PDB file of N, CA and C in Angstrom:
ATOM      1  N   MET A   1      -2.169 -34.284  -8.695  1.00  0.00           N
ATOM      2  CA  MET A   1      -2.934 -34.233  -7.483  1.00  0.00           C
ATOM      3  C   MET A   1      -4.362 -34.714  -7.747  1.00  0.00           C
ATOM      4  N   GLU A   2      -4.908 -34.292  -8.878  1.00  0.00           N
ATOM      5  CA  GLU A   2      -6.264 -34.738  -9.203  1.00  0.00           C
ATOM      6  C   GLU A   2      -6.301 -36.245  -9.425  1.00  0.00           C
ATOM      7  N   ARG A   3      -5.294 -36.762 -10.108  1.00  0.00           N
ATOM      8  CA  ARG A   3      -5.245 -38.185 -10.393  1.00  0.00           C
ATOM      9  C   ARG A   3      -5.184 -39.014  -9.114  1.00  0.00           C
ATOM     10  N   ARG A   4      -4.531 -38.488  -8.095  1.00  0.00           N
ATOM     11  CA  ARG A   4      -4.412 -39.218  -6.828  1.00  0.00           C
ATOM     12  C   ARG A   4      -5.578 -38.936  -5.876  1.00  0.00           C
ATOM     13  N   GLY A   5      -6.478 -38.043  -6.305  1.00  0.00           N
ATOM     14  CA  GLY A   5      -7.634 -37.750  -5.463  1.00  0.00           C
ATOM     15  C   GLY A   5      -7.358 -36.760  -4.350  1.00  0.00           C
ATOM     16  N   TRP A   6      -6.239 -36.052  -4.456  1.00  0.00           N
ATOM     17  CA  TRP A   6      -5.884 -35.081  -3.425  1.00  0.00           C
ATOM     18  C   TRP A   6      -6.545 -33.727  -3.670  1.00  0.00           C
ATOM     19  N   TRP A   7      -6.991 -33.499  -4.899  1.00  0.00           N
ATOM     20  CA  TRP A   7      -7.529 -32.188  -5.280  1.00  0.00           C
ATOM     21  C   TRP A   7      -8.522 -32.408  -6.409  1.00  0.00           C
ATOM     22  N   ASP A   8      -9.570 -31.586  -6.442  1.00  0.00           N
ATOM     23  CA  ASP A   8     -10.510 -31.671  -7.557  1.00  0.00           C
ATOM     24  C   ASP A   8     -11.053 -30.280  -7.861  1.00  0.00           C
ATOM     25  N   GLN A   9     -11.898 -30.174  -8.875  1.00  0.00           N
ATOM     26  CA  GLN A   9     -12.409 -28.874  -9.318  1.00  0.00           C
ATOM     27  C   GLN A   9     -13.242 -28.197  -8.231  1.00  0.00           C
ATOM     28  N   ASP A  10     -14.021 -28.959  -7.482  1.00  0.00           N
ATOM     29  CA  ASP A  10     -14.810 -28.362  -6.402  1.00  0.00           C
ATOM     30  C   ASP A  10     -13.908 -27.794  -5.310  1.00  0.00           C
ATOM     31  N   MET A  11     -12.848 -28.508  -4.986  1.00  0.00           N
ATOM     32  CA  MET A  11     -11.892 -27.999  -3.998  1.00  0.00           C
ATOM     33  C   MET A  11     -11.223 -26.728  -4.523  1.00  0.00           C
ATOM     34  N   GLU A  12     -10.895 -26.727  -5.796  1.00  0.00           N
ATOM     35  CA  GLU A  12     -10.275 -25.549  -6.420  1.00  0.00           C
ATOM     36  C   GLU A  12     -11.204 -24.344  -6.339  1.00  0.00           C
ATOM     37  N   LYS A  13     -12.469 -24.546  -6.690  1.00  0.00           N
ATOM     38  CA  LYS A  13     -13.444 -23.453  -6.634  1.00  0.00           C
ATOM     39  C   LYS A  13     -13.603 -22.936  -5.210  1.00  0.00           C
ATOM     40  N   GLY A  14     -13.688 -23.841  -4.257  1.00  0.00           N
ATOM     41  CA  GLY A  14     -13.810 -23.433  -2.858  1.00  0.00           C
ATOM     42  C   GLY A  14     -12.602 -22.667  -2.376  1.00  0.00           C
ATOM     43  N   TRP A  15     -11.419 -23.163  -2.753  1.00  0.00           N
ATOM     44  CA  TRP A  15     -10.188 -22.478  -2.362  1.00  0.00           C
ATOM     45  C   TRP A  15     -10.126 -21.079  -2.964  1.00  0.00           C
ATOM     46  N   ARG A  16     -10.468 -20.965  -4.247  1.00  0.00           N
ATOM     47  CA  ARG A  16     -10.445 -19.647  -4.896  1.00  0.00           C
ATOM     48  C   ARG A  16     -11.423 -18.689  -4.232  1.00  0.00           C
ATOM     49  N   LYS A  17     -12.613 -19.168  -3.925  1.00  0.00           N
ATOM     50  CA  LYS A  17     -13.631 -18.319  -3.299  1.00  0.00           C
ATOM     51  C   LYS A  17     -13.172 -17.854  -1.914  1.00  0.00           C
ATOM     52  N   SER A  18     -12.664 -18.762  -1.097  1.00  0.00           N
ATOM     53  CA  SER A  18     -12.230 -18.374   0.247  1.00  0.00           C
ATOM     54  C   SER A  18     -10.987 -17.485   0.191  1.00  0.00           C
ATOM     55  N   SER A  19     -10.092 -17.744  -0.747  1.00  0.00           N
ATOM     56  CA  SER A  19      -8.893 -16.909  -0.889  1.00  0.00           C
ATOM     57  C   SER A  19      -9.266 -15.498  -1.307  1.00  0.00           C
ATOM     58  N   ARG A  20     -10.169 -15.385  -2.251  1.00  0.00           N
ATOM     59  CA  ARG A  20     -10.616 -14.075  -2.713  1.00  0.00           C
ATOM     60  C   ARG A  20     -11.247 -13.294  -1.554  1.00  0.00           C
ATOM     61  N   LYS A  21     -12.060 -13.983  -0.766  1.00  0.00           N
ATOM     62  CA  LYS A  21     -12.711 -13.338   0.383  1.00  0.00           C
ATOM     63  C   LYS A  21     -11.668 -12.848   1.385  1.00  0.00           C
ATOM     64  N   ARG A  22     -10.669 -13.672   1.690  1.00  0.00           N
ATOM     65  CA  ARG A  22      -9.631 -13.278   2.642  1.00  0.00           C
ATOM     66  C   ARG A  22      -8.821 -12.095   2.133  1.00  0.00           C
ATOM     67  N   VAL A  23      -8.505 -12.092   0.852  1.00  0.00           N
ATOM     68  CA  VAL A  23      -7.740 -10.977   0.275  1.00  0.00           C
ATOM     69  C   VAL A  23      -8.551  -9.690   0.354  1.00  0.00           C
ATOM     70  N   LEU A  24      -9.824  -9.749  -0.020  1.00  0.00           N
ATOM     71  CA  LEU A  24     -10.664  -8.552   0.032  1.00  0.00           C
ATOM     72  C   LEU A  24     -10.839  -8.044   1.462  1.00  0.00           C
ATOM     73  N   GLU A  25     -10.958  -8.957   2.427  1.00  0.00           N
ATOM     74  CA  GLU A  25     -11.046  -8.548   3.827  1.00  0.00           C
ATOM     75  C   GLU A  25      -9.752  -7.871   4.279  1.00  0.00           C
ATOM     76  N   ALA A  26      -8.620  -8.401   3.843  1.00  0.00           N
ATOM     77  CA  ALA A  26      -7.331  -7.798   4.195  1.00  0.00           C
ATOM     78  C   ALA A  26      -7.194  -6.410   3.578  1.00  0.00           C
ATOM     79  N   PHE A  27      -7.633  -6.258   2.318  1.00  0.00           N
ATOM     80  CA  PHE A  27      -7.609  -4.933   1.684  1.00  0.00           C
ATOM     81  C   PHE A  27      -8.493  -3.955   2.442  1.00  0.00           C
ATOM     82  N   GLU A  28      -9.679  -4.396   2.801  1.00  0.00           N
ATOM     83  CA  GLU A  28     -10.620  -3.528   3.518  1.00  0.00           C
ATOM     84  C   GLU A  28     -10.017  -3.070   4.849  1.00  0.00           C
ATOM     85  N   GLN A  29      -9.390  -3.991   5.564  1.00  0.00           N
ATOM     86  CA  GLN A  29      -8.764  -3.633   6.835  1.00  0.00           C
ATOM     87  C   GLN A  29      -7.598  -2.669   6.616  1.00  0.00           C
ATOM     88  N   ALA A  30      -6.779  -2.945   5.609  1.00  0.00           N
ATOM     89  CA  ALA A  30      -5.620  -2.088   5.332  1.00  0.00           C
ATOM     90  C   ALA A  30      -6.046  -0.685   4.928  1.00  0.00           C
ATOM     91  N   GLU A  31      -7.147  -0.578   4.206  1.00  0.00           N
ATOM     92  CA  GLU A  31      -7.612   0.742   3.778  1.00  0.00           C
ATOM     93  C   GLU A  31      -8.081   1.593   4.948  1.00  0.00           C
ATOM     94  N   LYS A  32      -8.393   0.983   6.071  1.00  0.00           N
ATOM     95  CA  LYS A  32      -8.821   1.727   7.259  1.00  0.00           C
ATOM     96  C   LYS A  32      -7.638   2.321   8.023  1.00  0.00           C
ATOM     97  N   GLU A  33      -6.464   1.754   7.801  1.00  0.00           N
ATOM     98  CA  GLU A  33      -5.263   2.216   8.499  1.00  0.00           C
ATOM     99  C   GLU A  33      -4.775   3.533   7.896  1.00  0.00           C
ATOM    100  N   PRO A  34      -4.262   4.445   8.745  1.00  0.00           N
ATOM    101  CA  PRO A  34      -3.684   5.670   8.170  1.00  0.00           C
ATOM    102  C   PRO A  34      -2.461   5.338   7.334  1.00  0.00           C
ATOM    103  N   LYS A  35      -2.326   6.050   6.252  1.00  0.00           N
ATOM    104  CA  LYS A  35      -1.192   5.824   5.356  1.00  0.00           C
ATOM    105  C   LYS A  35       0.066   6.466   5.952  1.00  0.00           C
ATOM    106  N   PRO A  36       1.237   5.953   5.590  1.00  0.00           N
ATOM    107  CA  PRO A  36       2.470   6.562   6.096  1.00  0.00           C
ATOM    108  C   PRO A  36       2.582   8.008   5.621  1.00  0.00           C
ATOM    109  N   PRO A  37       3.265   8.847   6.384  1.00  0.00           N
ATOM    110  CA  PRO A  37       3.410  10.243   5.978  1.00  0.00           C
ATOM    111  C   PRO A  37       4.194  10.355   4.665  1.00  0.00           C
ATOM    112  N   PRO A  38       3.825  11.290   3.793  1.00  0.00           N
ATOM    113  CA  PRO A  38       4.511  11.425   2.497  1.00  0.00           C
ATOM    114  C   PRO A  38       6.039  11.528   2.581  1.00  0.00           C
ATOM    115  N   PRO A  39       6.616  12.241   3.574  1.00  0.00           N
ATOM    116  CA  PRO A  39       8.085  12.316   3.609  1.00  0.00           C
ATOM    117  C   PRO A  39       8.773  10.964   3.779  1.00  0.00           C
ATOM    118  N   LEU A  40       8.043   9.958   4.252  1.00  0.00           N
ATOM    119  CA  LEU A  40       8.637   8.643   4.418  1.00  0.00           C
ATOM    120  C   LEU A  40       9.078   8.046   3.083  1.00  0.00           C
ATOM    121  N   LEU A  41       8.510   8.536   1.994  1.00  0.00           N
ATOM    122  CA  LEU A  41       8.922   8.079   0.668  1.00  0.00           C
ATOM    123  C   LEU A  41      10.425   8.253   0.452  1.00  0.00           C
ATOM    124  N   PHE A  42      11.000   9.217   1.146  1.00  0.00           N
ATOM    125  CA  PHE A  42      12.387   9.596   0.883  1.00  0.00           C
ATOM    126  C   PHE A  42      13.366   9.123   1.954  1.00  0.00           C
ATOM    127  N   SER A  43      12.871   8.574   3.046  1.00  0.00           N
ATOM    128  CA  SER A  43      13.757   8.373   4.198  1.00  0.00           C
ATOM    129  C   SER A  43      14.231   6.957   4.437  1.00  0.00           C
ATOM    130  N   ASP A  44      13.733   5.980   3.729  1.00  0.00           N
ATOM    131  CA  ASP A  44      14.103   4.622   4.105  1.00  0.00           C
ATOM    132  C   ASP A  44      14.839   3.842   3.014  1.00  0.00           C
ATOM    133  N   VAL A  45      15.484   4.550   2.107  1.00  0.00           N
ATOM    134  CA  VAL A  45      16.180   3.856   1.019  1.00  0.00           C
ATOM    135  C   VAL A  45      17.695   3.988   1.159  1.00  0.00           C
ATOM    136  N   TYR A  46      18.154   5.189   1.370  1.00  0.00           N
ATOM    137  CA  TYR A  46      19.587   5.446   1.419  1.00  0.00           C
ATOM    138  C   TYR A  46      20.021   5.813   2.834  1.00  0.00           C
ATOM    139  N   LEU A  47      21.235   5.443   3.190  1.00  0.00           N
ATOM    140  CA  LEU A  47      21.790   5.861   4.471  1.00  0.00           C
ATOM    141  C   LEU A  47      21.927   7.387   4.480  1.00  0.00           C
ATOM    142  N   GLU A  48      22.472   7.926   3.382  1.00  0.00           N
ATOM    143  CA  GLU A  48      22.528   9.382   3.199  1.00  0.00           C
ATOM    144  C   GLU A  48      21.722   9.720   1.963  1.00  0.00           C
ATOM    145  N   MET A  49      20.806  10.640   2.101  1.00  0.00           N
ATOM    146  CA  MET A  49      19.928  10.991   0.992  1.00  0.00           C
ATOM    147  C   MET A  49      20.702  11.756  -0.081  1.00  0.00           C
ATOM    148  N   PRO A  50      20.631  11.280  -1.326  1.00  0.00           N
ATOM    149  CA  PRO A  50      21.300  11.990  -2.420  1.00  0.00           C
ATOM    150  C   PRO A  50      20.656  13.365  -2.638  1.00  0.00           C
ATOM    151  N   PRO A  51      21.425  14.300  -3.158  1.00  0.00           N
ATOM    152  CA  PRO A  51      20.891  15.655  -3.377  1.00  0.00           C
ATOM    153  C   PRO A  51      19.621  15.682  -4.218  1.00  0.00           C
ATOM    154  N   ARG A  52      19.531  14.835  -5.242  1.00  0.00           N
ATOM    155  CA  ARG A  52      18.339  14.859  -6.094  1.00  0.00           C
ATOM    156  C   ARG A  52      17.090  14.465  -5.309  1.00  0.00           C
ATOM    157  N   LEU A  53      17.221  13.514  -4.387  1.00  0.00           N
ATOM    158  CA  LEU A  53      16.067  13.143  -3.567  1.00  0.00           C
ATOM    159  C   LEU A  53      15.733  14.222  -2.551  1.00  0.00           C
ATOM    160  N   ARG A  54      16.754  14.865  -2.029  1.00  0.00           N
ATOM    161  CA  ARG A  54      16.521  15.970  -1.093  1.00  0.00           C
ATOM    162  C   ARG A  54      15.715  17.073  -1.789  1.00  0.00           C
ATOM    163  N   ARG A  55      16.087  17.357  -3.047  1.00  0.00           N
ATOM    164  CA  ARG A  55      15.350  18.368  -3.818  1.00  0.00           C
ATOM    165  C   ARG A  55      13.907  17.925  -4.063  1.00  0.00           C
ATOM    166  N   GLN A  56      13.730  16.648  -4.412  1.00  0.00           N
ATOM    167  CA  GLN A  56      12.373  16.146  -4.648  1.00  0.00           C
ATOM    168  C   GLN A  56      11.534  16.216  -3.373  1.00  0.00           C
ATOM    169  N   ARG A  57      12.124  15.882  -2.235  1.00  0.00           N
ATOM    170  CA  ARG A  57      11.406  15.961  -0.965  1.00  0.00           C
ATOM    171  C   ARG A  57      10.983  17.404  -0.677  1.00  0.00           C
ATOM    172  N   GLU A  58      11.885  18.342  -0.916  1.00  0.00           N
ATOM    173  CA  GLU A  58      11.560  19.751  -0.700  1.00  0.00           C
ATOM    174  C   GLU A  58      10.473  20.216  -1.665  1.00  0.00           C
ATOM    175  N   GLU A  59      10.542  19.762  -2.912  1.00  0.00           N
ATOM    176  CA  GLU A  59       9.500  20.116  -3.884  1.00  0.00           C
ATOM    177  C   GLU A  59       8.148  19.558  -3.462  1.00  0.00           C
ATOM    178  N   LEU A  60       8.123  18.339  -2.976  1.00  0.00           N
ATOM    179  CA  LEU A  60       6.873  17.751  -2.501  1.00  0.00           C
ATOM    180  C   LEU A  60       6.325  18.554  -1.328  1.00  0.00           C
ATOM    181  N   GLN A  61       7.187  18.916  -0.404  1.00  0.00           N
ATOM    182  CA  GLN A  61       6.740  19.691   0.757  1.00  0.00           C
ATOM    183  C   GLN A  61       6.134  21.030   0.313  1.00  0.00           C
ATOM    184  N   ARG A  62       6.799  21.716  -0.591  1.00  0.00           N
ATOM    185  CA  ARG A  62       6.274  23.001  -1.089  1.00  0.00           C
ATOM    186  C   ARG A  62       4.943  22.785  -1.816  1.00  0.00           C
ATOM    187  N   HIS A  63       4.883  21.735  -2.610  1.00  0.00           N
ATOM    188  CA  HIS A  63       3.662  21.436  -3.360  1.00  0.00           C
ATOM    189  C   HIS A  63       2.496  21.184  -2.402  1.00  0.00           C
ATOM    190  N   LEU A  64       2.751  20.380  -1.364  1.00  0.00           N
ATOM    191  CA  LEU A  64       1.681  20.086  -0.404  1.00  0.00           C
ATOM    192  C   LEU A  64       1.286  21.312   0.417  1.00  0.00           C
ATOM    193  N   GLU A  65       2.249  22.175   0.702  1.00  0.00           N
ATOM    194  CA  GLU A  65       1.919  23.409   1.413  1.00  0.00           C
ATOM    195  C   GLU A  65       1.023  24.304   0.556  1.00  0.00           C
ATOM    196  N   THR A  66       1.268  24.301  -0.744  1.00  0.00           N
ATOM    197  CA  THR A  66       0.497  25.147  -1.656  1.00  0.00           C
ATOM    198  C   THR A  66      -0.838  24.518  -2.039  1.00  0.00           C
ATOM    199  N   TYR A  67      -0.833  23.234  -2.358  1.00  0.00           N
ATOM    200  CA  TYR A  67      -2.021  22.576  -2.902  1.00  0.00           C
ATOM    201  C   TYR A  67      -2.557  21.458  -2.010  1.00  0.00           C
ATOM    202  N   GLY A  68      -2.173  21.439  -0.761  1.00  0.00           N
ATOM    203  CA  GLY A  68      -2.549  20.362   0.147  1.00  0.00           C
ATOM    204  C   GLY A  68      -4.035  20.124   0.267  1.00  0.00           C
ATOM    205  N   GLU A  69      -4.838  21.170   0.073  1.00  0.00           N
ATOM    206  CA  GLU A  69      -6.292  21.002   0.205  1.00  0.00           C
ATOM    207  C   GLU A  69      -6.866  20.110  -0.892  1.00  0.00           C
ATOM    208  N   HIS A  70      -6.098  19.860  -1.931  1.00  0.00           N
ATOM    209  CA  HIS A  70      -6.550  19.008  -3.030  1.00  0.00           C
ATOM    210  C   HIS A  70      -6.189  17.534  -2.825  1.00  0.00           C
ATOM    211  N   TYR A  71      -5.564  17.217  -1.706  1.00  0.00           N
ATOM    212  CA  TYR A  71      -5.136  15.852  -1.414  1.00  0.00           C
ATOM    213  C   TYR A  71      -5.785  15.388  -0.122  1.00  0.00           C
ATOM    214  N   PRO A  72      -6.049  14.093   0.005  1.00  0.00           N
ATOM    215  CA  PRO A  72      -6.670  13.581   1.232  1.00  0.00           C
ATOM    216  C   PRO A  72      -5.635  13.384   2.343  1.00  0.00           C
ATOM    217  N   LEU A  73      -4.971  14.455   2.734  1.00  0.00           N
ATOM    218  CA  LEU A  73      -3.882  14.356   3.708  1.00  0.00           C
ATOM    219  C   LEU A  73      -4.367  13.921   5.081  1.00  0.00           C
ATOM    220  N   GLN A  74      -5.663  14.045   5.359  1.00  0.00           N
ATOM    221  CA  GLN A  74      -6.192  13.619   6.646  1.00  0.00           C
ATOM    222  C   GLN A  74      -6.107  12.097   6.804  1.00  0.00           C
ATOM    223  N   HIS A  75      -5.900  11.380   5.699  1.00  0.00           N
ATOM    224  CA  HIS A  75      -5.782   9.921   5.751  1.00  0.00           C
ATOM    225  C   HIS A  75      -4.340   9.467   5.977  1.00  0.00           C
ATOM    226  N   PHE A  76      -3.437  10.430   6.165  1.00  0.00           N
ATOM    227  CA  PHE A  76      -2.035  10.096   6.358  1.00  0.00           C
ATOM    228  C   PHE A  76      -1.635  10.340   7.798  1.00  0.00           C
ATOM    229  N   GLN A  77      -0.658   9.564   8.262  1.00  0.00           N
ATOM    230  CA  GLN A  77      -0.111   9.780   9.607  1.00  0.00           C
ATOM    231  C   GLN A  77       0.582  11.134   9.621  1.00  0.00           C
ATOM    232  N   LYS A  78       0.646  11.706  10.776  1.00  0.00           N
ATOM    233  CA  LYS A  78       1.333  13.000  10.939  1.00  0.00           C
ATOM    234  C   LYS A  78       2.802  12.798  11.155  1.00  0.00           C
TER     235      LYS A  78
END
């Protein structure tokens, strides 16, 4: 591409700079969105939840009920 004059180092630098800016803007916007609720971790993989995942989901629920004040749960969807 460089040999044919379609691309050069200045174009590369400009592309990298604008791409980096767009990615950081997208991250900033995404960080403002509420995160999915923690139980969603367990609900969208299997048609029927295996017993081991059911146990893990219950353990997470108990853990959050006990220690929820130590987590930023206000940033999650209800």
